[in-house]
Amino acid sequence: MMTPTKKRPTNSNEFDDVKLLGPSSPLSKRTMPKHFNSPKRSDSIRYKKSSTNEKRLKQLQRTPEQLPINKKRQQERYSKVHPKNKTHQRNVELEIEKDLRRSIIPTTTTTTTPNVKQINHINKSPTRTIIKDSPVKKKVLDMYSKVRKRFGTLGGGGSGGPIYGEITTRSFQRVIKFMQMNCELNENSSFIDIGSGLGKPNFHVSLDVNVKLSVGVELGGERWWQSMILLKDFVPEYKLNNVFFAHGNVFDMKTLNPFSHVYMFDKGFPPNLMQNLSTKFNTSNVSKYLTCYKKPKDIIDKYEFNVTHLGLLSTNMSGSGEGNSVHFYVKKESSSSSKSKSKSKKNSKEEHNHINMLRKQDFGFIVPPVPSDTIDSAPVEYARSYGQPGLTLLYEKELDKYTDWCIEQVGINDSKRSKRRLRRRK
């Protein structure tokens, strides 16, 4: 039997609204009004964004005590614009404390008197000077860029060879500025770089200060050859009439005359070489200022250079970025001089002797012989005109002939004439 369906009770008021709306109303087509539609995707995203922004605003309104630990650390870092790191700030404070200790000589309360050596070390304590970066000349920057294009950032086979150091352009500019302020470096000076490498310091001093003579002595044959390649290009371009590079051993040099300023990156110099340089510097009449990277306890006490410490600067090395301190020294006054003579008269006399020595033939400098060891030999055969003839051309300021002499040392003419022949297989 079929069960009868129960009829739903109808009210007369149920469809009154539909009758009023008529057949074209959305309710008649079984659709919901617009205000009943589900929210779109864009509306939901906007809602989410607005909710997240409200949360952020609420978080910003919290007090520092209510914030978590990470948020507190972030606010502490960003509130202090400089320094950003606490360890850096602590290092700066330690350096300031060290400088104060160096400037103040400690006094002992005990009755025992300190030794003479201890007093000397206290008086010889290095004083670090701060020199702001001075603007580098355009031609100096152009010279450094051409060296980098030719031989890389660290040239001269420095990446795989023995200890080799090249300081950055800005660092050496500060070294030159310190020497101009405290070491009487000017147009009448003569500069030598022991272990010159590619000759960047010699070119820099020549272009920036325009000294009378800038000589570089290099033991490695490959680096000397590379410096001659640069010299043959820079002499006609910058009209250099004061730069000369010698391939030789410092042991073969009899004296450091006629150079008033001696510069050397002596980090890897052996003790016997330092002793030899000490005797030559002390006996040279003209050599007055020494710039190197060894501390006063090594230069004055260990190797017995007759100098006093002027100051030091912090420098950066190119390539590695390593920091080193460069020290400046001046030769002590000889005790044999009479006390009646004033200091100004003595300085003028020394300068007069230095200028007279530079006026001599070939600037009064004797080019050392070529190293006898085959390990230090150059990659090309030496020209017959190597040595003193090139220095004579530089002294007479014949730049065209001097450029041809540099080309002859590099061996370009020989390489053009030579022909390469292939070996036949047997």
Protein backbone atom coordinates (compact mmCIF):
# COMPACT_ATOMS: atom_id res chain seq x y z
CA MET A 1 0.00 0.00 0.00
CA MET A 2 1.19 3.38 -0.72
CA THR A 3 1.43 5.71 2.18
CA PRO A 4 -0.18 9.05 1.55
CA THR A 5 2.20 12.04 1.58
CA LYS A 6 1.56 14.58 4.17
CA LYS A 7 0.71 17.93 2.76
CA ARG A 8 2.71 20.82 4.07
CA PRO A 9 0.51 23.40 5.68
CA THR A 10 0.50 26.53 3.69
CA ASN A 11 0.05 29.99 4.98
CA SER A 12 -1.38 32.68 2.89
CA ASN A 13 1.32 35.12 3.99
CA GLU A 14 4.29 32.94 2.85
CA PHE A 15 4.37 34.03 -0.76
CA ASP A 16 3.03 37.51 -0.37
CA ASP A 17 6.46 39.04 -0.94
CA VAL A 18 6.89 37.06 -4.17
CA LYS A 19 3.62 38.27 -5.50
CA LEU A 20 4.61 41.83 -4.78
CA LEU A 21 8.00 41.47 -6.50
CA GLY A 22 6.57 39.93 -9.63
CA PRO A 23 8.00 37.36 -12.10
CA SER A 24 11.20 39.36 -12.89
CA SER A 25 12.39 39.33 -9.29
CA PRO A 26 15.50 37.30 -8.38
CA LEU A 27 13.57 35.24 -5.92
CA SER A 28 11.36 33.93 -8.63
CA LYS A 29 14.40 32.56 -10.49
CA ARG A 30 15.55 30.78 -7.37
CA THR A 31 18.48 33.15 -6.81
CA MET A 32 19.64 34.88 -3.68
CA PRO A 33 19.91 38.64 -3.31
CA LYS A 34 23.32 40.24 -3.79
CA HIS A 35 23.80 40.80 -0.11
CA PHE A 36 23.55 37.05 0.40
CA ASN A 37 26.37 36.14 -2.06
CA SER A 38 29.62 34.58 -0.68
CA PRO A 39 32.63 36.96 -0.52
CA LYS A 40 34.96 36.99 -3.49
CA ARG A 41 38.62 35.88 -3.34
CA SER A 42 39.95 39.42 -3.54
CA ASP A 43 37.71 40.46 -0.67
CA SER A 44 39.04 37.64 1.47
CA ILE A 45 42.68 38.59 0.72
CA ARG A 46 41.99 42.20 1.58
CA TYR A 47 40.40 41.07 4.77
CA LYS A 48 43.47 39.00 5.62
CA LYS A 49 45.79 41.92 4.83
CA SER A 50 43.82 44.31 6.93
CA SER A 51 43.81 41.83 9.81
CA THR A 52 47.60 41.37 9.64
CA ASN A 53 48.16 45.14 9.57
CA GLU A 54 45.96 45.52 12.63
CA LYS A 55 48.01 42.85 14.40
CA ARG A 56 51.24 44.67 13.54
CA LEU A 57 49.88 47.92 14.87
CA LYS A 58 48.90 46.20 18.07
CA GLN A 59 52.41 44.72 18.38
CA LEU A 60 54.04 48.12 17.84
CA GLN A 61 51.90 49.60 20.57
CA ARG A 62 53.31 47.15 23.11
CA THR A 63 55.74 48.29 25.75
CA PRO A 64 59.35 46.96 25.67
CA GLU A 65 58.61 44.78 28.68
CA GLN A 66 55.79 43.01 26.81
CA LEU A 67 57.88 42.27 23.70
CA PRO A 68 59.72 38.93 23.29
CA ILE A 69 63.53 38.77 23.62
CA ASN A 70 64.29 38.77 19.86
CA LYS A 71 62.20 41.88 19.32
CA LYS A 72 63.99 43.65 22.13
CA ARG A 73 67.37 42.87 20.58
CA GLN A 74 66.26 44.15 17.19
CA GLN A 75 65.03 47.42 18.67
CA GLU A 76 68.29 47.88 20.57
CA ARG A 77 70.33 47.36 17.39
CA TYR A 78 68.30 49.70 15.22
CA SER A 79 68.05 52.38 17.88
CA LYS A 80 71.86 52.76 17.82
CA VAL A 81 72.74 53.85 14.31
CA HIS A 82 76.52 53.37 14.80
CA PRO A 83 78.02 51.01 15.79
CA LYS A 84 75.54 48.31 14.80
CA ASN A 85 77.36 45.50 16.56
CA LYS A 86 78.15 45.38 20.29
CA THR A 87 81.41 43.50 19.73
CA HIS A 88 82.64 46.26 17.41
CA GLN A 89 81.76 48.87 20.03
CA ARG A 90 83.69 46.89 22.65
CA ASN A 91 86.73 46.67 20.36
CA VAL A 92 86.66 50.44 19.86
CA GLU A 93 86.53 50.97 23.61
CA LEU A 94 89.51 48.64 24.09
CA GLU A 95 91.55 50.54 21.47
CA ILE A 96 90.79 53.83 23.24
CA GLU A 97 91.94 52.32 26.54
CA LYS A 98 95.17 51.09 24.90
CA ASP A 99 95.88 54.56 23.46
CA LEU A 100 95.38 56.10 26.88
CA ARG A 101 97.76 53.60 28.45
CA ARG A 102 100.37 54.36 25.82
CA SER A 103 100.11 58.10 26.31
CA ILE A 104 100.40 57.87 30.13
CA ILE A 105 103.62 56.45 31.61
CA PRO A 106 102.74 54.29 34.62
CA THR A 107 104.29 55.25 37.94
CA THR A 108 105.43 52.62 40.44
CA THR A 109 104.59 53.01 44.12
CA THR A 110 107.25 50.55 45.28
CA THR A 111 110.71 51.66 46.31
CA THR A 112 112.44 49.47 43.68
CA THR A 113 113.51 51.41 40.60
CA PRO A 114 112.80 49.92 37.16
CA ASN A 115 115.57 48.78 34.84
CA VAL A 116 116.98 50.98 32.11
CA LYS A 117 115.63 48.66 29.42
CA GLN A 118 112.10 48.94 30.84
CA ILE A 119 112.30 52.75 30.78
CA ASN A 120 113.51 52.70 27.17
CA HIS A 121 110.61 50.48 26.15
CA ILE A 122 108.12 52.83 27.87
CA ASN A 123 109.55 55.87 26.09
CA LYS A 124 109.64 54.02 22.77
CA SER A 125 105.99 53.03 22.93
CA PRO A 126 104.44 53.58 19.47
CA THR A 127 101.91 56.36 19.08
CA ARG A 128 99.32 55.62 16.40
CA THR A 129 98.42 58.68 14.36
CA ILE A 130 95.10 59.04 12.55
CA ILE A 131 95.30 60.65 9.11
CA LYS A 132 92.15 61.16 7.10
CA ASP A 133 91.99 59.82 3.57
CA SER A 134 93.27 62.57 1.32
CA PRO A 135 92.09 62.76 -2.30
CA VAL A 136 94.23 60.77 -4.73
CA LYS A 137 95.26 62.43 -7.96
CA LYS A 138 93.51 61.34 -11.12
CA LYS A 139 96.70 60.23 -12.88
CA VAL A 140 97.67 58.09 -9.86
CA LEU A 141 94.30 56.32 -9.93
CA ASP A 142 94.65 55.87 -13.69
CA MET A 143 98.10 54.31 -13.16
CA TYR A 144 96.75 51.80 -10.60
CA SER A 145 93.85 50.81 -12.86
CA LYS A 146 96.23 50.10 -15.76
CA VAL A 147 98.45 47.97 -13.52
CA ARG A 148 95.40 45.96 -12.39
CA LYS A 149 94.25 45.44 -15.97
CA ARG A 150 97.71 44.24 -16.98
CA PHE A 151 98.70 41.99 -14.05
CA GLY A 152 95.60 41.62 -11.84
CA THR A 153 94.81 42.87 -8.34
CA LEU A 154 97.86 41.17 -6.80
CA GLY A 155 100.50 41.12 -9.51
CA GLY A 156 104.02 39.79 -9.66
CA GLY A 157 103.03 36.18 -8.98
CA GLY A 158 102.15 37.15 -5.42
CA SER A 159 99.37 34.56 -5.12
CA GLY A 160 101.68 31.57 -5.47
CA GLY A 161 105.12 32.95 -4.67
CA PRO A 162 107.00 33.87 -1.47
CA ILE A 163 105.90 36.61 0.94
CA TYR A 164 104.74 39.52 -1.18
CA GLY A 165 102.83 42.56 -0.01
CA GLU A 166 101.00 45.35 -1.81
CA ILE A 167 99.05 47.89 0.22
CA THR A 168 95.99 49.58 -1.19
CA THR A 169 96.01 52.92 -3.00
CA ARG A 170 94.30 54.83 -0.16
CA SER A 171 96.63 53.35 2.45
CA PHE A 172 99.79 54.33 0.57
CA GLN A 173 98.35 57.80 -0.04
CA ARG A 174 98.10 58.21 3.74
CA VAL A 175 101.70 56.96 4.07
CA ILE A 176 102.85 59.64 1.63
CA LYS A 177 100.85 62.30 3.46
CA PHE A 178 102.47 61.32 6.78
CA MET A 179 105.93 61.48 5.17
CA GLN A 180 105.18 64.92 3.76
CA MET A 181 104.03 66.19 7.15
CA ASN A 182 106.70 64.60 9.37
CA CYS A 183 109.51 63.22 7.18
CA GLU A 184 110.36 66.14 4.85
CA LEU A 185 109.25 64.32 1.70
CA ASN A 186 109.24 66.89 -1.12
CA GLU A 187 110.48 67.53 -4.65
CA ASN A 188 114.13 67.53 -3.52
CA SER A 189 113.89 64.05 -1.93
CA SER A 190 115.15 60.75 -3.31
CA PHE A 191 113.16 57.56 -2.67
CA ILE A 192 114.18 53.88 -2.76
CA ASP A 193 111.93 50.85 -2.38
CA ILE A 194 113.80 47.69 -1.33
CA GLY A 195 111.81 44.79 -2.75
CA SER A 196 109.87 46.95 -5.20
CA GLY A 197 107.87 44.21 -6.97
CA LEU A 198 105.85 45.82 -9.76
CA GLY A 199 106.98 49.28 -8.67
CA LYS A 200 103.63 50.72 -7.52
CA PRO A 201 105.15 52.75 -4.64
CA ASN A 202 107.79 54.18 -6.98
CA PHE A 203 105.19 55.25 -9.54
CA HIS A 204 102.94 56.66 -6.82
CA VAL A 205 105.70 58.77 -5.24
CA SER A 206 106.85 59.97 -8.64
CA LEU A 207 103.40 61.06 -9.83
CA ASP A 208 102.17 62.49 -6.52
CA VAL A 209 105.27 64.20 -5.05
CA ASN A 210 107.51 64.45 -8.14
CA VAL A 211 110.69 63.53 -6.25
CA LYS A 212 114.15 63.91 -7.77
CA LEU A 213 114.74 60.17 -8.03
CA SER A 214 112.59 57.07 -7.36
CA VAL A 215 114.44 53.75 -7.57
CA GLY A 216 113.14 50.23 -6.97
CA VAL A 217 115.45 47.27 -6.30
CA GLU A 218 113.92 43.81 -6.82
CA LEU A 219 115.49 40.38 -6.36
CA GLY A 220 112.89 38.35 -8.29
CA GLY A 221 113.56 38.37 -12.02
CA GLU A 222 109.94 37.94 -13.10
CA ARG A 223 108.69 40.88 -11.03
CA TRP A 224 111.51 43.11 -12.23
CA TRP A 225 110.66 42.19 -15.84
CA GLN A 226 106.98 43.03 -15.24
CA SER A 227 107.93 46.39 -13.71
CA MET A 228 109.99 47.17 -16.83
CA ILE A 229 106.94 46.41 -19.00
CA LEU A 230 104.98 49.01 -17.05
CA LEU A 231 107.87 51.48 -17.14
CA LYS A 232 108.16 51.40 -20.93
CA ASP A 233 104.45 52.37 -21.15
CA PHE A 234 104.38 54.97 -18.36
CA VAL A 235 107.51 56.93 -19.36
CA PRO A 236 106.02 58.35 -22.59
CA GLU A 237 102.47 58.55 -21.21
CA TYR A 238 103.17 60.36 -17.91
CA LYS A 239 106.58 61.80 -18.94
CA LEU A 240 108.37 60.11 -16.04
CA ASN A 241 111.92 61.38 -15.76
CA ASN A 242 112.75 60.05 -12.28
CA VAL A 243 111.86 56.32 -12.07
CA PHE A 244 114.40 53.51 -12.43
CA PHE A 245 114.20 49.77 -11.63
CA ALA A 246 117.21 47.60 -10.88
CA HIS A 247 117.34 43.81 -10.78
CA GLY A 248 119.80 43.05 -8.04
CA ASN A 249 120.54 41.85 -4.54
CA VAL A 250 120.71 44.35 -1.69
CA PHE A 251 123.78 42.52 -0.33
CA ASP A 252 125.66 43.67 -3.42
CA MET A 253 124.92 47.36 -2.73
CA LYS A 254 127.73 49.14 -0.90
CA THR A 255 125.63 51.99 0.50
CA LEU A 256 122.13 53.47 0.52
CA ASN A 257 123.32 56.83 -0.77
CA PRO A 258 121.95 59.02 -2.38
CA PHE A 259 118.50 58.14 -1.02
CA SER A 260 117.05 60.31 1.73
CA HIS A 261 113.94 58.11 2.24
CA VAL A 262 114.17 54.31 2.49
CA TYR A 263 110.97 52.28 2.20
CA MET A 264 110.64 48.49 2.50
CA PHE A 265 107.95 45.89 3.16
CA ASP A 266 110.16 43.87 5.50
CA LYS A 267 107.65 41.37 6.88
CA GLY A 268 109.54 38.41 5.42
CA PHE A 269 113.11 39.78 5.46
CA PRO A 270 115.61 37.36 7.10
CA PRO A 271 117.72 38.53 10.07
CA ASN A 272 121.00 38.63 8.12
CA LEU A 273 119.43 40.98 5.55
CA MET A 274 118.13 43.26 8.32
CA GLN A 275 121.60 43.39 9.90
CA ASN A 276 123.12 44.29 6.54
CA LEU A 277 120.56 47.04 5.97
CA SER A 278 121.19 48.39 9.47
CA THR A 279 124.92 48.87 8.86
CA LYS A 280 124.31 50.45 5.45
CA PHE A 281 121.64 52.82 6.75
CA ASN A 282 123.77 53.91 9.74
CA THR A 283 126.85 54.56 7.59
CA SER A 284 125.04 56.37 4.77
CA ASN A 285 125.47 60.15 4.94
CA VAL A 286 122.28 61.08 3.11
CA SER A 287 119.80 58.40 4.29
CA LYS A 288 117.75 60.00 7.04
CA TYR A 289 114.22 58.50 7.12
CA LEU A 290 113.20 54.85 7.29
CA THR A 291 109.69 53.49 6.62
CA CYS A 292 109.08 49.81 7.30
CA TYR A 293 106.67 47.35 8.95
CA LYS A 294 108.75 46.12 11.89
CA LYS A 295 108.22 47.33 15.45
CA PRO A 296 110.68 49.56 17.34
CA LYS A 297 111.81 46.71 19.58
CA ASP A 298 113.04 44.88 16.44
CA ILE A 299 114.45 47.87 14.55
CA ILE A 300 116.12 49.67 17.48
CA ASP A 301 116.92 46.92 19.99
CA LYS A 302 117.42 43.81 17.88
CA TYR A 303 118.93 45.13 14.63
CA GLU A 304 120.41 48.34 16.13
CA PHE A 305 119.25 50.92 13.62
CA ASN A 306 120.43 54.34 14.80
CA VAL A 307 116.93 55.84 14.64
CA THR A 308 114.10 57.15 16.79
CA HIS A 309 110.46 56.25 16.32
CA LEU A 310 108.19 58.97 14.87
CA GLY A 311 104.83 57.21 14.69
CA LEU A 312 102.81 54.51 12.98
CA LEU A 313 99.81 54.12 10.69
CA SER A 314 97.39 51.25 10.08
CA THR A 315 97.24 50.04 6.47
CA ASN A 316 95.27 47.47 4.47
CA MET A 317 96.75 44.98 2.03
CA SER A 318 95.29 44.56 -1.43
CA GLY A 319 93.84 41.16 -2.24
CA SER A 320 93.75 39.65 1.26
CA GLY A 321 92.54 42.79 3.08
CA GLU A 322 94.98 42.04 5.91
CA GLY A 323 95.84 44.95 8.18
CA ASN A 324 99.45 45.91 8.96
CA SER A 325 101.04 48.78 10.84
CA VAL A 326 103.68 50.84 9.04
CA HIS A 327 106.31 52.51 11.26
CA PHE A 328 108.24 55.71 10.57
CA TYR A 329 111.77 56.35 11.88
CA VAL A 330 114.29 59.18 11.69
CA LYS A 331 118.04 58.90 12.11
CA LYS A 332 119.48 60.18 15.37
CA GLU A 333 121.78 63.18 15.42
CA SER A 334 125.47 62.30 15.55
CA SER A 335 127.18 63.05 18.87
CA SER A 336 130.32 64.33 17.11
CA SER A 337 128.58 67.49 15.92
CA SER A 338 129.37 70.58 17.97
CA LYS A 339 126.68 71.88 20.31
CA SER A 340 127.12 75.47 19.20
CA LYS A 341 125.64 74.76 15.78
CA SER A 342 121.93 75.21 15.66
CA LYS A 343 119.57 72.51 14.43
CA SER A 344 118.32 74.55 11.47
CA LYS A 345 121.85 75.09 10.14
CA LYS A 346 122.57 71.39 10.40
CA ASN A 347 119.41 70.44 8.50
CA SER A 348 120.19 72.94 5.75
CA LYS A 349 123.71 71.53 5.44
CA GLU A 350 122.41 67.96 5.14
CA GLU A 351 119.92 69.03 2.49
CA HIS A 352 122.70 70.83 0.62
CA ASN A 353 124.86 67.67 0.66
CA HIS A 354 121.92 65.61 -0.57
CA ILE A 355 121.24 67.95 -3.49
CA ASN A 356 124.92 68.03 -4.42
CA MET A 357 125.02 64.22 -4.45
CA LEU A 358 122.01 64.04 -6.76
CA ARG A 359 123.72 66.48 -9.12
CA LYS A 360 126.57 64.06 -9.63
CA GLN A 361 126.77 61.80 -12.65
CA ASP A 362 123.93 59.21 -12.63
CA PHE A 363 122.56 60.81 -9.42
CA GLY A 364 125.52 59.35 -7.52
CA PHE A 365 123.93 55.86 -7.61
CA ILE A 366 125.71 52.71 -8.75
CA VAL A 367 123.39 50.04 -10.17
CA PRO A 368 123.98 46.68 -8.41
CA PRO A 369 124.99 43.68 -10.53
CA VAL A 370 122.51 41.05 -11.66
CA PRO A 371 121.90 38.22 -9.12
CA SER A 372 124.17 35.23 -9.71
CA ASP A 373 121.57 32.65 -8.63
CA THR A 374 119.61 31.17 -11.55
CA ILE A 375 116.44 30.98 -9.45
CA ASP A 376 116.26 34.78 -9.41
CA SER A 377 117.04 35.22 -13.12
CA ALA A 378 114.70 37.13 -15.44
CA PRO A 379 112.50 35.29 -17.99
CA VAL A 380 114.41 36.96 -20.86
CA GLU A 381 118.09 37.41 -21.57
CA TYR A 382 119.64 40.62 -20.31
CA ALA A 383 120.43 43.25 -22.90
CA ARG A 384 124.00 44.47 -23.31
CA SER A 385 122.92 47.95 -22.29
CA TYR A 386 121.50 46.84 -18.91
CA GLY A 387 122.55 48.78 -15.83
CA GLN A 388 124.39 52.08 -15.76
CA PRO A 389 123.70 53.19 -19.38
CA GLY A 390 119.95 53.37 -18.70
CA LEU A 391 120.49 55.42 -15.56
CA THR A 392 122.68 57.81 -17.55
CA LEU A 393 119.87 58.37 -20.07
CA LEU A 394 117.49 59.08 -17.18
CA TYR A 395 119.97 61.51 -15.63
CA GLU A 396 120.33 63.38 -18.92
CA LYS A 397 116.48 63.39 -19.27
CA GLU A 398 116.48 61.90 -22.76
CA LEU A 399 113.07 60.27 -22.43
CA ASP A 400 112.80 58.97 -26.00
CA LYS A 401 116.08 57.10 -25.73
CA TYR A 402 115.20 55.99 -22.22
CA THR A 403 111.91 54.49 -23.51
CA ASP A 404 113.81 52.60 -26.21
CA TRP A 405 116.21 51.35 -23.53
CA CYS A 406 113.26 50.04 -21.47
CA ILE A 407 111.85 48.26 -24.53
CA GLU A 408 115.25 46.68 -25.11
CA GLN A 409 115.33 45.36 -21.52
CA VAL A 410 111.88 43.81 -21.90
CA GLY A 411 113.03 41.99 -25.05
CA ILE A 412 110.23 43.01 -27.42
CA ASN A 413 112.53 43.57 -30.40
CA ASP A 414 114.10 40.12 -29.99
CA SER A 415 110.68 38.45 -29.80
CA LYS A 416 109.57 40.13 -33.06
CA ARG A 417 112.62 38.90 -34.95
CA SER A 418 112.48 35.34 -33.65
CA LYS A 419 110.30 32.80 -35.52
CA ARG A 420 108.62 29.85 -33.88
CA ARG A 421 109.18 26.52 -35.62
CA LEU A 422 107.12 23.40 -35.03
CA ARG A 423 108.93 20.13 -34.35
CA ARG A 424 108.32 17.32 -36.79
CA ARG A 425 107.23 13.99 -35.48
CA LYS A 426 109.66 11.12 -36.06
